[in-house]
PDB file of N, CA and C in Angstrom:
ATOM      1  N   MET A   1     -13.729  27.930   3.232  1.00  0.00           N
ATOM      2  CA  MET A   1     -12.714  26.920   3.429  1.00  0.00           C
ATOM      3  C   MET A   1     -12.079  26.583   2.080  1.00  0.00           C
ATOM      4  N   LYS A   2     -10.936  25.973   2.119  1.00  0.00           N
ATOM      5  CA  LYS A   2     -10.239  25.564   0.899  1.00  0.00           C
ATOM      6  C   LYS A   2     -10.744  24.197   0.449  1.00  0.00           C
ATOM      7  N   LEU A   3     -10.801  24.004  -0.856  1.00  0.00           N
ATOM      8  CA  LEU A   3     -11.227  22.729  -1.424  1.00  0.00           C
ATOM      9  C   LEU A   3     -10.381  21.582  -0.880  1.00  0.00           C
ATOM     10  N   ARG A   4      -9.092  21.826  -0.610  1.00  0.00           N
ATOM     11  CA  ARG A   4      -8.187  20.781  -0.129  1.00  0.00           C
ATOM     12  C   ARG A   4      -8.638  20.150   1.185  1.00  0.00           C
ATOM     13  N   GLU A   5      -9.527  20.819   1.912  1.00  0.00           N
ATOM     14  CA  GLU A   5     -10.005  20.270   3.178  1.00  0.00           C
ATOM     15  C   GLU A   5     -10.956  19.099   2.991  1.00  0.00           C
ATOM     16  N   ILE A   6     -11.586  19.013   1.808  1.00  0.00           N
ATOM     17  CA  ILE A   6     -12.543  17.918   1.582  1.00  0.00           C
ATOM     18  C   ILE A   6     -12.219  17.090   0.334  1.00  0.00           C
ATOM     19  N   ALA A   7     -11.124  17.437  -0.354  1.00  0.00           N
ATOM     20  CA  ALA A   7     -10.831  16.741  -1.610  1.00  0.00           C
ATOM     21  C   ALA A   7      -9.327  16.644  -1.858  1.00  0.00           C
ATOM     22  N   TYR A   8      -8.966  15.700  -2.722  1.00  0.00           N
ATOM     23  CA  TYR A   8      -7.599  15.593  -3.214  1.00  0.00           C
ATOM     24  C   TYR A   8      -7.649  15.598  -4.729  1.00  0.00           C
ATOM     25  N   SER A   9      -6.505  15.760  -5.381  1.00  0.00           N
ATOM     26  CA  SER A   9      -6.515  15.849  -6.840  1.00  0.00           C
ATOM     27  C   SER A   9      -5.309  15.150  -7.442  1.00  0.00           C
ATOM     28  N   ARG A  10      -5.419  14.898  -8.737  1.00  0.00           N
ATOM     29  CA  ARG A  10      -4.341  14.340  -9.546  1.00  0.00           C
ATOM     30  C   ARG A  10      -4.361  15.079 -10.873  1.00  0.00           C
ATOM     31  N   SER A  11      -3.210  15.181 -11.512  1.00  0.00           N
ATOM     32  CA  SER A  11      -3.167  15.860 -12.808  1.00  0.00           C
ATOM     33  C   SER A  11      -2.292  15.092 -13.780  1.00  0.00           C
ATOM     34  N   GLY A  12      -2.533  15.347 -15.049  1.00  0.00           N
ATOM     35  CA  GLY A  12      -1.754  14.740 -16.118  1.00  0.00           C
ATOM     36  C   GLY A  12      -1.730  15.672 -17.310  1.00  0.00           C
ATOM     37  N   ASP A  13      -0.981  15.283 -18.324  1.00  0.00           N
ATOM     38  CA  ASP A  13      -0.879  16.143 -19.495  1.00  0.00           C
ATOM     39  C   ASP A  13      -0.712  15.302 -20.751  1.00  0.00           C
ATOM     40  N   LYS A  14      -1.065  15.902 -21.869  1.00  0.00           N
ATOM     41  CA  LYS A  14      -0.832  15.340 -23.191  1.00  0.00           C
ATOM     42  C   LYS A  14      -0.721  16.525 -24.126  1.00  0.00           C
ATOM     43  N   GLY A  15       0.496  16.811 -24.560  1.00  0.00           N
ATOM     44  CA  GLY A  15       0.703  17.975 -25.408  1.00  0.00           C
ATOM     45  C   GLY A  15       0.392  19.250 -24.650  1.00  0.00           C
ATOM     46  N   ASP A  16      -0.519  20.043 -25.182  1.00  0.00           N
ATOM     47  CA  ASP A  16      -0.891  21.316 -24.572  1.00  0.00           C
ATOM     48  C   ASP A  16      -2.216  21.199 -23.803  1.00  0.00           C
ATOM     49  N   VAL A  17      -2.568  19.986 -23.416  1.00  0.00           N
ATOM     50  CA  VAL A  17      -3.813  19.728 -22.692  1.00  0.00           C
ATOM     51  C   VAL A  17      -3.475  19.257 -21.282  1.00  0.00           C
ATOM     52  N   SER A  18      -4.101  19.879 -20.293  1.00  0.00           N
ATOM     53  CA  SER A  18      -3.948  19.466 -18.906  1.00  0.00           C
ATOM     54  C   SER A  18      -5.241  18.807 -18.452  1.00  0.00           C
ATOM     55  N   ASN A  19      -5.092  17.748 -17.695  1.00  0.00           N
ATOM     56  CA  ASN A  19      -6.211  16.987 -17.180  1.00  0.00           C
ATOM     57  C   ASN A  19      -6.094  16.958 -15.659  1.00  0.00           C
ATOM     58  N   ILE A  20      -7.117  17.442 -14.963  1.00  0.00           N
ATOM     59  CA  ILE A  20      -7.091  17.462 -13.501  1.00  0.00           C
ATOM     60  C   ILE A  20      -8.344  16.773 -12.975  1.00  0.00           C
ATOM     61  N   CYS A  21      -8.144  15.847 -12.048  1.00  0.00           N
ATOM     62  CA  CYS A  21      -9.265  15.192 -11.384  1.00  0.00           C
ATOM     63  C   CYS A  21      -9.297  15.636  -9.933  1.00  0.00           C
ATOM     64  N   VAL A  22     -10.492  15.860  -9.431  1.00  0.00           N
ATOM     65  CA  VAL A  22     -10.717  16.225  -8.033  1.00  0.00           C
ATOM     66  C   VAL A  22     -11.631  15.167  -7.446  1.00  0.00           C
ATOM     67  N   PHE A  23     -11.209  14.566  -6.323  1.00  0.00           N
ATOM     68  CA  PHE A  23     -11.971  13.502  -5.683  1.00  0.00           C
ATOM     69  C   PHE A  23     -12.288  13.862  -4.239  1.00  0.00           C
ATOM     70  N   ALA A  24     -13.514  13.597  -3.825  1.00  0.00           N
ATOM     71  CA  ALA A  24     -13.913  13.837  -2.436  1.00  0.00           C
ATOM     72  C   ALA A  24     -13.240  12.821  -1.526  1.00  0.00           C
ATOM     73  N   TYR A  25     -12.761  13.288  -0.379  1.00  0.00           N
ATOM     74  CA  TYR A  25     -12.244  12.350   0.626  1.00  0.00           C
ATOM     75  C   TYR A  25     -13.358  11.454   1.145  1.00  0.00           C
ATOM     76  N   GLU A  26     -14.541  12.063   1.317  1.00  0.00           N
ATOM     77  CA  GLU A  26     -15.694  11.338   1.824  1.00  0.00           C
ATOM     78  C   GLU A  26     -16.868  11.532   0.870  1.00  0.00           C
ATOM     79  N   GLU A  27     -17.632  10.494   0.679  1.00  0.00           N
ATOM     80  CA  GLU A  27     -18.777  10.574  -0.229  1.00  0.00           C
ATOM     81  C   GLU A  27     -19.758  11.668   0.190  1.00  0.00           C
ATOM     82  N   SER A  28     -19.815  11.977   1.473  1.00  0.00           N
ATOM     83  CA  SER A  28     -20.736  13.010   1.963  1.00  0.00           C
ATOM     84  C   SER A  28     -20.376  14.400   1.427  1.00  0.00           C
ATOM     85  N   HIS A  29     -19.160  14.585   0.919  1.00  0.00           N
ATOM     86  CA  HIS A  29     -18.743  15.880   0.369  1.00  0.00           C
ATOM     87  C   HIS A  29     -18.927  15.973  -1.147  1.00  0.00           C
ATOM     88  N   TRP A  30     -19.346  14.891  -1.760  1.00  0.00           N
ATOM     89  CA  TRP A  30     -19.487  14.845  -3.210  1.00  0.00           C
ATOM     90  C   TRP A  30     -20.415  15.929  -3.738  1.00  0.00           C
ATOM     91  N   GLU A  31     -21.584  16.102  -3.135  1.00  0.00           N
ATOM     92  CA  GLU A  31     -22.547  17.095  -3.637  1.00  0.00           C
ATOM     93  C   GLU A  31     -22.006  18.515  -3.522  1.00  0.00           C
ATOM     94  N   THR A  32     -21.269  18.807  -2.456  1.00  0.00           N
ATOM     95  CA  THR A  32     -20.664  20.134  -2.313  1.00  0.00           C
ATOM     96  C   THR A  32     -19.653  20.371  -3.421  1.00  0.00           C
ATOM     97  N   ILE A  33     -18.815  19.404  -3.658  1.00  0.00           N
ATOM     98  CA  ILE A  33     -17.806  19.527  -4.716  1.00  0.00           C
ATOM     99  C   ILE A  33     -18.489  19.663  -6.070  1.00  0.00           C
ATOM    100  N   ARG A  34     -19.465  18.849  -6.312  1.00  0.00           N
ATOM    101  CA  ARG A  34     -20.209  18.869  -7.579  1.00  0.00           C
ATOM    102  C   ARG A  34     -20.861  20.235  -7.826  1.00  0.00           C
ATOM    103  N   ARG A  35     -21.402  20.822  -6.780  1.00  0.00           N
ATOM    104  CA  ARG A  35     -22.079  22.110  -6.887  1.00  0.00           C
ATOM    105  C   ARG A  35     -21.096  23.273  -7.023  1.00  0.00           C
ATOM    106  N   GLU A  36     -20.023  23.256  -6.272  1.00  0.00           N
ATOM    107  CA  GLU A  36     -19.128  24.415  -6.173  1.00  0.00           C
ATOM    108  C   GLU A  36     -17.976  24.443  -7.177  1.00  0.00           C
ATOM    109  N   VAL A  37     -17.517  23.292  -7.602  1.00  0.00           N
ATOM    110  CA  VAL A  37     -16.332  23.250  -8.471  1.00  0.00           C
ATOM    111  C   VAL A  37     -16.792  23.138  -9.927  1.00  0.00           C
ATOM    112  N   THR A  38     -17.164  24.267 -10.473  1.00  0.00           N
ATOM    113  CA  THR A  38     -17.653  24.341 -11.845  1.00  0.00           C
ATOM    114  C   THR A  38     -16.516  24.715 -12.788  1.00  0.00           C
ATOM    115  N   ALA A  39     -16.756  24.546 -14.076  1.00  0.00           N
ATOM    116  CA  ALA A  39     -15.761  24.956 -15.072  1.00  0.00           C
ATOM    117  C   ALA A  39     -15.497  26.457 -14.977  1.00  0.00           C
ATOM    118  N   GLU A  40     -16.527  27.219 -14.685  1.00  0.00           N
ATOM    119  CA  GLU A  40     -16.370  28.672 -14.561  1.00  0.00           C
ATOM    120  C   GLU A  40     -15.482  29.037 -13.375  1.00  0.00           C
ATOM    121  N   ARG A  41     -15.680  28.352 -12.251  1.00  0.00           N
ATOM    122  CA  ARG A  41     -14.844  28.611 -11.065  1.00  0.00           C
ATOM    123  C   ARG A  41     -13.399  28.195 -11.319  1.00  0.00           C
ATOM    124  N   VAL A  42     -13.218  27.095 -12.029  1.00  0.00           N
ATOM    125  CA  VAL A  42     -11.862  26.645 -12.370  1.00  0.00           C
ATOM    126  C   VAL A  42     -11.193  27.671 -13.277  1.00  0.00           C
ATOM    127  N   ARG A  43     -11.934  28.228 -14.208  1.00  0.00           N
ATOM    128  CA  ARG A  43     -11.407  29.279 -15.086  1.00  0.00           C
ATOM    129  C   ARG A  43     -10.922  30.474 -14.252  1.00  0.00           C
ATOM    130  N   GLU A  44     -11.691  30.850 -13.242  1.00  0.00           N
ATOM    131  CA  GLU A  44     -11.285  31.962 -12.368  1.00  0.00           C
ATOM    132  C   GLU A  44      -9.972  31.651 -11.650  1.00  0.00           C
ATOM    133  N   VAL A  45      -9.832  30.437 -11.177  1.00  0.00           N
ATOM    134  CA  VAL A  45      -8.628  30.040 -10.442  1.00  0.00           C
ATOM    135  C   VAL A  45      -7.400  30.034 -11.351  1.00  0.00           C
ATOM    136  N   PHE A  46      -7.550  29.520 -12.565  1.00  0.00           N
ATOM    137  CA  PHE A  46      -6.399  29.358 -13.457  1.00  0.00           C
ATOM    138  C   PHE A  46      -6.106  30.593 -14.308  1.00  0.00           C
ATOM    139  N   GLY A  47      -7.088  31.456 -14.477  1.00  0.00           N
ATOM    140  CA  GLY A  47      -6.870  32.705 -15.200  1.00  0.00           C
ATOM    141  C   GLY A  47      -6.166  32.531 -16.530  1.00  0.00           C
ATOM    142  N   GLU A  48      -5.110  33.296 -16.749  1.00  0.00           N
ATOM    143  CA  GLU A  48      -4.382  33.317 -18.016  1.00  0.00           C
ATOM    144  C   GLU A  48      -3.540  32.069 -18.270  1.00  0.00           C
ATOM    145  N   LEU A  49      -3.426  31.191 -17.287  1.00  0.00           N
ATOM    146  CA  LEU A  49      -2.672  29.954 -17.504  1.00  0.00           C
ATOM    147  C   LEU A  49      -3.351  29.067 -18.546  1.00  0.00           C
ATOM    148  N   VAL A  50      -4.688  29.155 -18.616  1.00  0.00           N
ATOM    149  CA  VAL A  50      -5.458  28.344 -19.565  1.00  0.00           C
ATOM    150  C   VAL A  50      -6.083  29.263 -20.598  1.00  0.00           C
ATOM    151  N   LYS A  51      -5.643  29.114 -21.830  1.00  0.00           N
ATOM    152  CA  LYS A  51      -6.149  29.975 -22.905  1.00  0.00           C
ATOM    153  C   LYS A  51      -7.298  29.344 -23.684  1.00  0.00           C
ATOM    154  N   GLY A  52      -7.459  28.035 -23.582  1.00  0.00           N
ATOM    155  CA  GLY A  52      -8.496  27.321 -24.322  1.00  0.00           C
ATOM    156  C   GLY A  52      -9.703  26.993 -23.464  1.00  0.00           C
ATOM    157  N   GLU A  53     -10.428  25.965 -23.897  1.00  0.00           N
ATOM    158  CA  GLU A  53     -11.650  25.546 -23.209  1.00  0.00           C
ATOM    159  C   GLU A  53     -11.352  24.742 -21.958  1.00  0.00           C
ATOM    160  N   ILE A  54     -12.288  24.814 -21.029  1.00  0.00           N
ATOM    161  CA  ILE A  54     -12.258  23.960 -19.842  1.00  0.00           C
ATOM    162  C   ILE A  54     -13.553  23.164 -19.853  1.00  0.00           C
ATOM    163  N   THR A  55     -13.425  21.852 -19.922  1.00  0.00           N
ATOM    164  CA  THR A  55     -14.592  20.974 -19.966  1.00  0.00           C
ATOM    165  C   THR A  55     -14.607  20.133 -18.701  1.00  0.00           C
ATOM    166  N   ARG A  56     -15.756  20.078 -18.035  1.00  0.00           N
ATOM    167  CA  ARG A  56     -15.904  19.307 -16.802  1.00  0.00           C
ATOM    168  C   ARG A  56     -16.678  18.026 -17.081  1.00  0.00           C
ATOM    169  N   TYR A  57     -16.168  16.938 -16.541  1.00  0.00           N
ATOM    170  CA  TYR A  57     -16.847  15.646 -16.613  1.00  0.00           C
ATOM    171  C   TYR A  57     -17.087  15.161 -15.195  1.00  0.00           C
ATOM    172  N   GLU A  58     -18.291  14.662 -14.935  1.00  0.00           N
ATOM    173  CA  GLU A  58     -18.610  14.123 -13.622  1.00  0.00           C
ATOM    174  C   GLU A  58     -18.312  12.637 -13.587  1.00  0.00           C
ATOM    175  N   LEU A  59     -17.739  12.198 -12.470  1.00  0.00           N
ATOM    176  CA  LEU A  59     -17.407  10.790 -12.265  1.00  0.00           C
ATOM    177  C   LEU A  59     -18.096  10.332 -10.976  1.00  0.00           C
ATOM    178  N   PRO A  60     -19.437  10.247 -10.991  1.00  0.00           N
ATOM    179  CA  PRO A  60     -20.178   9.998  -9.754  1.00  0.00           C
ATOM    180  C   PRO A  60     -19.804   8.692  -9.054  1.00  0.00           C
ATOM    181  N   GLY A  61     -19.419   7.682  -9.773  1.00  0.00           N
ATOM    182  CA  GLY A  61     -19.037   6.411  -9.151  1.00  0.00           C
ATOM    183  C   GLY A  61     -17.781   6.520  -8.305  1.00  0.00           C
ATOM    184  N   THR A  62     -17.001   7.571  -8.528  1.00  0.00           N
ATOM    185  CA  THR A  62     -15.764   7.773  -7.773  1.00  0.00           C
ATOM    186  C   THR A  62     -15.827   9.032  -6.917  1.00  0.00           C
ATOM    187  N   SER A  63     -16.979   9.685  -6.887  1.00  0.00           N
ATOM    188  CA  SER A  63     -17.141  10.974  -6.189  1.00  0.00           C
ATOM    189  C   SER A  63     -16.100  11.965  -6.663  1.00  0.00           C
ATOM    190  N   GLY A  64     -15.969  12.056  -7.988  1.00  0.00           N
ATOM    191  CA  GLY A  64     -14.954  12.932  -8.541  1.00  0.00           C
ATOM    192  C   GLY A  64     -15.401  13.718  -9.760  1.00  0.00           C
ATOM    193  N   LEU A  65     -14.587  14.708 -10.078  1.00  0.00           N
ATOM    194  CA  LEU A  65     -14.763  15.536 -11.269  1.00  0.00           C
ATOM    195  C   LEU A  65     -13.465  15.489 -12.067  1.00  0.00           C
ATOM    196  N   ASN A  66     -13.587  15.525 -13.381  1.00  0.00           N
ATOM    197  CA  ASN A  66     -12.427  15.567 -14.265  1.00  0.00           C
ATOM    198  C   ASN A  66     -12.532  16.838 -15.109  1.00  0.00           C
ATOM    199  N   PHE A  67     -11.458  17.620 -15.126  1.00  0.00           N
ATOM    200  CA  PHE A  67     -11.406  18.840 -15.928  1.00  0.00           C
ATOM    201  C   PHE A  67     -10.356  18.674 -17.011  1.00  0.00           C
ATOM    202  N   VAL A  68     -10.767  18.868 -18.252  1.00  0.00           N
ATOM    203  CA  VAL A  68      -9.852  18.826 -19.389  1.00  0.00           C
ATOM    204  C   VAL A  68      -9.707  20.267 -19.869  1.00  0.00           C
ATOM    205  N   MET A  69      -8.456  20.759 -19.837  1.00  0.00           N
ATOM    206  CA  MET A  69      -8.185  22.155 -20.156  1.00  0.00           C
ATOM    207  C   MET A  69      -7.248  22.221 -21.359  1.00  0.00           C
ATOM    208  N   THR A  70      -7.732  22.825 -22.445  1.00  0.00           N
ATOM    209  CA  THR A  70      -6.922  22.932 -23.657  1.00  0.00           C
ATOM    210  C   THR A  70      -6.121  24.230 -23.652  1.00  0.00           C
ATOM    211  N   GLN A  71      -5.057  24.231 -24.407  1.00  0.00           N
ATOM    212  CA  GLN A  71      -4.141  25.373 -24.459  1.00  0.00           C
ATOM    213  C   GLN A  71      -3.767  25.801 -23.034  1.00  0.00           C
ATOM    214  N   ALA A  72      -3.363  24.820 -22.247  1.00  0.00           N
ATOM    215  CA  ALA A  72      -3.130  25.051 -20.830  1.00  0.00           C
ATOM    216  C   ALA A  72      -1.666  24.944 -20.416  1.00  0.00           C
ATOM    217  N   LEU A  73      -0.797  24.528 -21.332  1.00  0.00           N
ATOM    218  CA  LEU A  73       0.589  24.277 -20.935  1.00  0.00           C
ATOM    219  C   LEU A  73       1.595  25.022 -21.802  1.00  0.00           C
ATOM    220  N   ASP A  74       1.178  26.133 -22.356  1.00  0.00           N
ATOM    221  CA  ASP A  74       2.058  26.982 -23.156  1.00  0.00           C
ATOM    222  C   ASP A  74       2.754  26.206 -24.270  1.00  0.00           C
ATOM    223  N   GLY A  75       2.006  25.310 -24.904  1.00  0.00           N
ATOM    224  CA  GLY A  75       2.547  24.537 -26.021  1.00  0.00           C
ATOM    225  C   GLY A  75       2.906  23.106 -25.671  1.00  0.00           C
ATOM    226  N   GLY A  76       3.045  22.796 -24.398  1.00  0.00           N
ATOM    227  CA  GLY A  76       3.382  21.444 -23.975  1.00  0.00           C
ATOM    228  C   GLY A  76       4.850  21.301 -23.612  1.00  0.00           C
ATOM    229  N   VAL A  77       5.212  20.120 -23.165  1.00  0.00           N
ATOM    230  CA  VAL A  77       6.524  19.851 -22.597  1.00  0.00           C
ATOM    231  C   VAL A  77       7.682  20.254 -23.506  1.00  0.00           C
ATOM    232  N   SER A  78       7.637  19.882 -24.745  1.00  0.00           N
ATOM    233  CA  SER A  78       8.783  20.148 -25.632  1.00  0.00           C
ATOM    234  C   SER A  78       8.818  21.576 -26.169  1.00  0.00           C
ATOM    235  N   ARG A  79       7.771  22.365 -25.934  1.00  0.00           N
ATOM    236  CA  ARG A  79       7.713  23.735 -26.451  1.00  0.00           C
ATOM    237  C   ARG A  79       7.692  24.801 -25.366  1.00  0.00           C
ATOM    238  N   SER A  80       7.234  24.434 -24.208  1.00  0.00           N
ATOM    239  CA  SER A  80       7.027  25.418 -23.144  1.00  0.00           C
ATOM    240  C   SER A  80       8.324  25.816 -22.464  1.00  0.00           C
ATOM    241  N   LEU A  81       8.402  27.083 -22.079  1.00  0.00           N
ATOM    242  CA  LEU A  81       9.511  27.572 -21.272  1.00  0.00           C
ATOM    243  C   LEU A  81       9.100  27.714 -19.809  1.00  0.00           C
ATOM    244  N   ARG A  82       7.910  27.252 -19.467  1.00  0.00           N
ATOM    245  CA  ARG A  82       7.450  27.300 -18.086  1.00  0.00           C
ATOM    246  C   ARG A  82       8.304  26.358 -17.225  1.00  0.00           C
ATOM    247  N   THR A  83       8.390  26.685 -15.954  1.00  0.00           N
ATOM    248  CA  THR A  83       9.141  25.821 -15.046  1.00  0.00           C
ATOM    249  C   THR A  83       8.409  24.517 -14.746  1.00  0.00           C
ATOM    250  N   ASP A  84       7.123  24.467 -15.035  1.00  0.00           N
ATOM    251  CA  ASP A  84       6.320  23.264 -14.820  1.00  0.00           C
ATOM    252  C   ASP A  84       5.587  22.929 -16.122  1.00  0.00           C
ATOM    253  N   PRO A  85       6.296  22.458 -17.159  1.00  0.00           N
ATOM    254  CA  PRO A  85       5.652  22.225 -18.449  1.00  0.00           C
ATOM    255  C   PRO A  85       4.622  21.096 -18.432  1.00  0.00           C
ATOM    256  N   HIS A  86       4.682  20.207 -17.438  1.00  0.00           N
ATOM    257  CA  HIS A  86       3.692  19.128 -17.332  1.00  0.00           C
ATOM    258  C   HIS A  86       2.423  19.584 -16.614  1.00  0.00           C
ATOM    259  N   GLY A  87       2.455  20.712 -15.939  1.00  0.00           N
ATOM    260  CA  GLY A  87       1.292  21.201 -15.200  1.00  0.00           C
ATOM    261  C   GLY A  87       1.011  20.425 -13.931  1.00  0.00           C
ATOM    262  N   LYS A  88       2.016  19.766 -13.365  1.00  0.00           N
ATOM    263  CA  LYS A  88       1.797  18.983 -12.141  1.00  0.00           C
ATOM    264  C   LYS A  88       1.382  19.864 -10.962  1.00  0.00           C
ATOM    265  N   SER A  89       1.826  21.109 -10.953  1.00  0.00           N
ATOM    266  CA  SER A  89       1.440  22.001  -9.859  1.00  0.00           C
ATOM    267  C   SER A  89      -0.029  22.405  -9.946  1.00  0.00           C
ATOM    268  N   TYR A  90      -0.664  22.160 -11.093  1.00  0.00           N
ATOM    269  CA  TYR A  90      -2.081  22.507 -11.246  1.00  0.00           C
ATOM    270  C   TYR A  90      -2.954  21.773 -10.231  1.00  0.00           C
ATOM    271  N   GLN A  91      -2.547  20.559  -9.853  1.00  0.00           N
ATOM    272  CA  GLN A  91      -3.363  19.827  -8.888  1.00  0.00           C
ATOM    273  C   GLN A  91      -3.371  20.521  -7.535  1.00  0.00           C
ATOM    274  N   SER A  92      -2.318  21.238  -7.195  1.00  0.00           N
ATOM    275  CA  SER A  92      -2.313  22.016  -5.952  1.00  0.00           C
ATOM    276  C   SER A  92      -3.086  23.315  -6.110  1.00  0.00           C
ATOM    277  N   LEU A  93      -2.973  23.932  -7.276  1.00  0.00           N
ATOM    278  CA  LEU A  93      -3.657  25.200  -7.523  1.00  0.00           C
ATOM    279  C   LEU A  93      -5.173  25.045  -7.424  1.00  0.00           C
ATOM    280  N   ILE A  94      -5.723  23.981  -7.977  1.00  0.00           N
ATOM    281  CA  ILE A  94      -7.173  23.802  -7.930  1.00  0.00           C
ATOM    282  C   ILE A  94      -7.647  23.604  -6.489  1.00  0.00           C
ATOM    283  N   LEU A  95      -6.827  22.956  -5.667  1.00  0.00           N
ATOM    284  CA  LEU A  95      -7.214  22.718  -4.278  1.00  0.00           C
ATOM    285  C   LEU A  95      -7.171  23.972  -3.419  1.00  0.00           C
ATOM    286  N   ASP A  96      -6.607  25.030  -3.949  1.00  0.00           N
ATOM    287  CA  ASP A  96      -6.571  26.311  -3.249  1.00  0.00           C
ATOM    288  C   ASP A  96      -7.878  27.100  -3.420  1.00  0.00           C
ATOM    289  N   MET A  97      -8.795  26.561  -4.220  1.00  0.00           N
ATOM    290  CA  MET A  97     -10.087  27.207  -4.459  1.00  0.00           C
ATOM    291  C   MET A  97     -10.864  27.343  -3.155  1.00  0.00           C
ATOM    292  N   GLU A  98     -11.452  28.523  -2.948  1.00  0.00           N
ATOM    293  CA  GLU A  98     -12.318  28.742  -1.788  1.00  0.00           C
ATOM    294  C   GLU A  98     -13.727  28.237  -2.095  1.00  0.00           C
ATOM    295  N   ILE A  99     -14.277  27.479  -1.170  1.00  0.00           N
ATOM    296  CA  ILE A  99     -15.665  27.008  -1.282  1.00  0.00           C
ATOM    297  C   ILE A  99     -16.363  27.257   0.043  1.00  0.00           C
ATOM    298  N   PRO A 100     -17.689  27.333   0.042  1.00  0.00           N
ATOM    299  CA  PRO A 100     -18.413  27.531   1.312  1.00  0.00           C
ATOM    300  C   PRO A 100     -18.194  26.339   2.245  1.00  0.00           C
ATOM    301  N   PRO A 101     -18.149  26.581   3.543  1.00  0.00           N
ATOM    302  CA  PRO A 101     -17.986  25.480   4.498  1.00  0.00           C
ATOM    303  C   PRO A 101     -19.118  24.461   4.374  1.00  0.00           C
ATOM    304  N   THR A 102     -18.807  23.197   4.565  1.00  0.00           N
ATOM    305  CA  THR A 102     -19.839  22.159   4.515  1.00  0.00           C
ATOM    306  C   THR A 102     -20.485  22.043   5.885  1.00  0.00           C
ATOM    307  N   ALA A 103     -21.688  21.525   5.886  1.00  0.00           N
ATOM    308  CA  ALA A 103     -22.429  21.395   7.151  1.00  0.00           C
ATOM    309  C   ALA A 103     -21.904  20.246   7.985  1.00  0.00           C
TER     310      ALA A 103
END
């Protein structure tokens, strides 16, 4: 199943750094998200879009994860020639991740 079935996301940017948060719709899905949405899996999804590090932070009080990705916006808003220099579409891309169905 797609991550979007059990979670929603938000994204932001600062320079060449993209920040994406993934939150469970229901607390019962938190452990699945925590287990399946790793920095390594996020790297697979984003591929060459992210050239730097991907750091994952857990936000258990909100049933969420925060990913900080460096060198992720081709230089940032004022330098990038990408059609999405803020990386707002990244929040949709992460939700396209395949995860095992929940019980």
